[in-house]
Protein backbone atom coordinates (compact mmCIF):
# COMPACT_ATOMS: atom_id res chain seq x y z
CA MET A 1 -126.19 136.20 -27.80
CA LYS A 2 -125.95 136.80 -24.06
CA TYR A 3 -125.66 133.05 -23.47
CA LEU A 4 -122.87 132.88 -26.02
CA LEU A 5 -120.95 135.69 -24.33
CA LEU A 6 -121.37 134.09 -20.92
CA ALA A 7 -120.32 130.72 -22.31
CA LEU A 8 -117.24 132.24 -23.91
CA PHE A 9 -116.31 133.85 -20.60
CA LEU A 10 -116.66 130.56 -18.77
CA ILE A 11 -114.79 128.64 -21.44
CA SER A 12 -111.90 131.05 -20.96
CA PHE A 13 -111.57 129.67 -17.42
CA PHE A 14 -111.83 125.98 -18.23
CA GLN A 15 -112.72 123.77 -21.15
CA PHE A 16 -115.25 121.00 -20.90
CA SER A 17 -116.94 118.43 -23.06
CA THR A 18 -120.60 117.69 -23.54
CA LYS A 19 -120.41 115.36 -20.52
CA ALA A 20 -119.48 118.23 -18.23
CA ASP A 21 -121.72 117.04 -15.41
CA ASP A 22 -118.77 114.81 -14.42
CA ILE A 23 -116.03 116.78 -12.65
CA ARG A 24 -113.36 114.80 -14.48
CA GLU A 25 -114.48 116.37 -17.76
CA PHE A 26 -113.40 119.86 -16.71
CA GLU A 27 -109.96 121.18 -17.52
CA LEU A 28 -107.99 124.06 -16.11
CA GLU A 29 -104.88 124.87 -18.13
CA GLY A 30 -105.27 121.46 -19.80
CA MET A 31 -105.36 119.45 -16.55
CA SER A 32 -108.23 117.42 -15.11
CA VAL A 33 -109.00 115.89 -11.73
CA GLY A 34 -108.09 112.20 -11.70
CA GLU A 35 -105.16 112.57 -14.09
CA SER A 36 -101.55 112.11 -13.08
CA LEU A 37 -99.65 115.33 -12.57
CA LEU A 38 -96.72 113.46 -14.14
CA LYS A 39 -98.34 114.11 -17.53
CA PHE A 40 -97.52 117.79 -17.01
CA LYS A 41 -94.57 117.94 -14.60
CA ASP A 42 -91.68 115.54 -14.03
CA LYS A 43 -90.96 113.74 -10.76
CA LYS A 44 -88.08 116.06 -9.90
CA PHE A 45 -90.30 119.15 -10.19
CA ILE A 46 -92.99 117.55 -8.00
CA GLN A 47 -90.46 116.39 -5.38
CA ASN A 48 -88.84 119.83 -5.28
CA ARG A 49 -92.26 121.38 -4.71
CA LEU A 50 -93.05 118.91 -1.94
CA ASN A 51 -89.78 119.96 -0.25
CA ASP A 52 -90.42 123.69 -0.76
CA SER A 53 -91.24 125.68 2.37
CA ASN A 54 -93.98 127.54 0.45
CA THR A 55 -95.95 124.36 -0.29
CA PHE A 56 -99.19 124.13 1.66
CA PHE A 57 -99.82 120.82 3.41
CA TYR A 58 -103.15 119.87 4.89
CA LYS A 59 -103.34 118.13 8.24
CA ASN A 60 -100.86 115.25 8.67
CA LYS A 61 -99.53 115.96 5.18
CA THR A 62 -102.40 113.93 3.76
CA PHE A 63 -102.69 116.32 0.80
CA ALA A 64 -100.34 118.97 -0.58
CA VAL A 65 -101.21 122.00 -2.70
CA ILE A 66 -98.27 122.65 -5.01
CA GLY A 67 -97.69 125.64 -7.24
CA LEU A 68 -97.13 124.64 -10.86
CA ASP A 69 -95.21 127.60 -12.32
CA ILE A 70 -97.57 127.74 -15.28
CA LEU A 71 -97.89 131.03 -17.13
CA SER A 72 -101.57 131.77 -17.53
CA ASP A 73 -103.40 134.56 -19.32
CA LEU A 74 -106.30 134.14 -16.89
CA PHE A 75 -104.82 133.48 -13.47
CA GLU A 76 -102.01 134.80 -11.32
CA GLY A 77 -101.36 131.34 -9.90
CA ILE A 78 -102.17 127.73 -10.81
CA SER A 79 -101.82 124.84 -8.37
CA ALA A 80 -102.74 121.19 -8.02
CA THR A 81 -103.57 119.14 -4.95
CA ILE A 82 -101.99 115.70 -4.69
CA LYS A 83 -101.23 113.13 -2.01
CA PRO A 84 -97.50 113.54 -1.24
CA LYS A 85 -96.92 109.80 -0.88
CA ASP A 86 -98.73 108.85 -4.10
CA LYS A 87 -96.09 107.71 -6.60
CA ASN A 88 -98.53 108.44 -9.46
CA SER A 89 -99.23 112.02 -8.25
CA ILE A 90 -102.95 111.83 -9.03
CA ILE A 91 -104.62 115.25 -9.12
CA TYR A 92 -107.41 115.70 -6.55
CA ALA A 93 -107.99 119.39 -7.23
CA ILE A 94 -106.83 122.10 -9.60
CA GLU A 95 -107.15 125.76 -8.75
CA GLY A 96 -106.64 129.07 -10.44
CA ARG A 97 -106.05 132.10 -8.24
CA LEU A 98 -106.56 135.83 -8.67
CA PHE A 99 -105.35 138.20 -5.97
CA PHE A 100 -107.40 141.06 -4.54
CA PRO A 101 -105.29 142.57 -1.76
CA ASN A 102 -107.61 144.41 0.61
CA ASP A 103 -110.36 144.56 -2.03
CA MET A 104 -113.07 142.03 -1.22
CA LYS A 105 -115.65 144.09 -3.12
CA LYS A 106 -113.91 143.42 -6.46
CA CYS A 107 -113.30 139.81 -5.46
CA ARG A 108 -116.99 139.24 -4.74
CA THR A 109 -118.00 140.93 -8.00
CA LYS A 110 -115.73 138.57 -9.96
CA MET A 111 -116.97 135.59 -7.93
CA ASP A 112 -120.60 136.51 -8.74
CA GLU A 113 -119.77 136.82 -12.46
CA ILE A 114 -118.17 133.39 -12.57
CA SER A 115 -121.05 131.84 -10.60
CA ASN A 116 -123.61 133.38 -12.95
CA ASP A 117 -121.73 131.99 -15.94
CA ILE A 118 -121.65 128.49 -14.46
CA SER A 119 -125.35 128.73 -13.58
CA SER A 120 -126.22 129.74 -17.13
CA ILE A 121 -124.59 126.59 -18.47
CA PHE A 122 -125.98 124.31 -15.72
CA PRO A 123 -129.39 125.80 -14.90
CA ASP A 124 -130.44 122.63 -13.05
CA VAL A 125 -127.44 122.72 -10.71
CA LYS A 126 -128.23 125.06 -7.85
CA PRO A 127 -125.10 126.27 -6.06
CA THR A 128 -124.69 126.34 -2.33
CA LEU A 129 -123.92 129.91 -1.30
CA LEU A 130 -121.78 130.52 1.76
CA ASN A 131 -121.41 134.01 3.25
CA SER A 132 -118.92 135.24 5.85
CA VAL A 133 -117.83 131.76 6.95
CA LYS A 134 -114.85 131.50 9.30
CA HIS A 135 -111.93 129.83 7.55
CA GLY A 136 -110.81 126.73 9.45
CA TYR A 137 -107.15 127.33 8.67
CA ASP A 138 -107.03 130.52 10.75
CA LYS A 139 -107.24 129.53 14.41
CA THR A 140 -107.69 133.20 15.43
CA GLY A 141 -111.14 133.09 13.81
CA ASN A 142 -110.49 136.34 11.95
CA THR A 143 -110.34 135.01 8.38
CA PHE A 144 -113.61 134.77 6.48
CA PHE A 145 -114.71 133.55 3.06
CA ASP A 146 -117.69 133.67 0.75
CA ALA A 147 -118.22 130.88 -1.76
CA TYR A 148 -120.38 129.26 -4.39
CA LEU A 149 -120.22 125.46 -4.48
CA PHE A 150 -121.58 123.64 -7.52
CA GLU A 151 -121.97 119.93 -6.88
CA LEU A 152 -121.48 117.81 -10.00
CA SER A 153 -120.91 114.11 -10.51
CA ASN A 154 -117.74 113.08 -8.62
CA GLY A 155 -116.90 116.54 -7.32
CA HIS A 156 -117.46 120.28 -7.18
CA LEU A 157 -116.76 123.50 -9.01
CA GLU A 158 -115.98 125.99 -6.27
CA ILE A 159 -115.44 129.73 -6.29
CA PHE A 160 -114.09 131.33 -3.12
CA CYS A 161 -113.27 134.86 -2.03
CA ILE A 162 -111.00 134.65 1.00
CA ASP A 163 -110.40 137.66 3.22
CA TRP A 164 -107.30 136.62 5.16
CA SER A 165 -106.83 138.13 8.61
CA ASN A 166 -104.02 140.57 9.32
CA GLU A 167 -102.40 137.89 11.50
CA ILE A 168 -102.35 135.30 8.69
CA THR A 169 -101.25 137.89 6.14
CA LYS A 170 -98.25 138.78 8.31
CA LYS A 171 -97.42 135.27 9.48
CA GLU A 172 -98.02 133.31 6.25
CA ASN A 173 -97.71 136.09 3.67
CA PHE A 174 -101.18 135.19 2.31
CA THR A 175 -103.03 137.68 0.09
CA ASP A 176 -106.79 138.13 -0.15
CA GLU A 177 -107.82 136.08 -3.14
CA LEU A 178 -110.35 134.50 -5.42
CA LYS A 179 -109.94 130.78 -6.02
CA LEU A 180 -111.65 128.86 -8.81
CA ILE A 181 -111.31 125.19 -7.91
CA ILE A 182 -112.13 121.96 -9.70
CA ASN A 183 -112.37 119.66 -6.69
CA SER A 184 -112.78 115.88 -6.45
CA GLN A 185 -115.47 114.51 -4.17
CA GLU A 186 -112.85 112.63 -2.15
CA LEU A 187 -110.91 115.78 -1.35
CA ARG A 188 -114.03 117.85 -0.62
CA ASN A 189 -115.28 115.17 1.82
CA TRP A 190 -111.90 115.01 3.53
CA ILE A 191 -111.69 118.80 3.88
CA ASN A 192 -115.21 118.94 5.32
CA LYS A 193 -114.62 116.15 7.86
CA GLU A 194 -110.93 116.13 8.76
CA ALA A 195 -108.73 118.89 7.36
CA PHE A 196 -109.17 121.50 10.07
CA ASN A 197 -110.27 119.37 13.04
């Protein structure tokens, strides 16, 4: 019964098939890594988002994280990561966000719950736990995150709690948050090696 309850909780975040060891089998709000965002949003919407001042671009505009304006019962924000110059708008990551302004304790509690649910479904996949890591985006060194990273075939399931610094909060209008990310291996490798160097 406990397994069923945990599974139902996890399923409420994303659906997956029996081949869920492959990252492409996971869905968040019906979208999967490797699909074209054009299945869900038209070219005009995507182009407008790429021109929006609120869109986050990684280094050299190699990847862009665009908000999708999707109403969700589970998340306060849904976004997808694409390559801005890719005419097919292939999805490299999908993320759901919950905001915890100045409340990292609640964020970490929710992060632990989600991690435990994932672990109960994939007992052989041991997550990498990161604690109080400096976030590479904040050059002041005052932003920290905790995370669980579950490595699956072709990518990762990642849960982050990010405690943005006062400087970033004021400058960028960022809010402390939990991110649940379905991340392709290509994007994860690029972030690890190039994004913040």
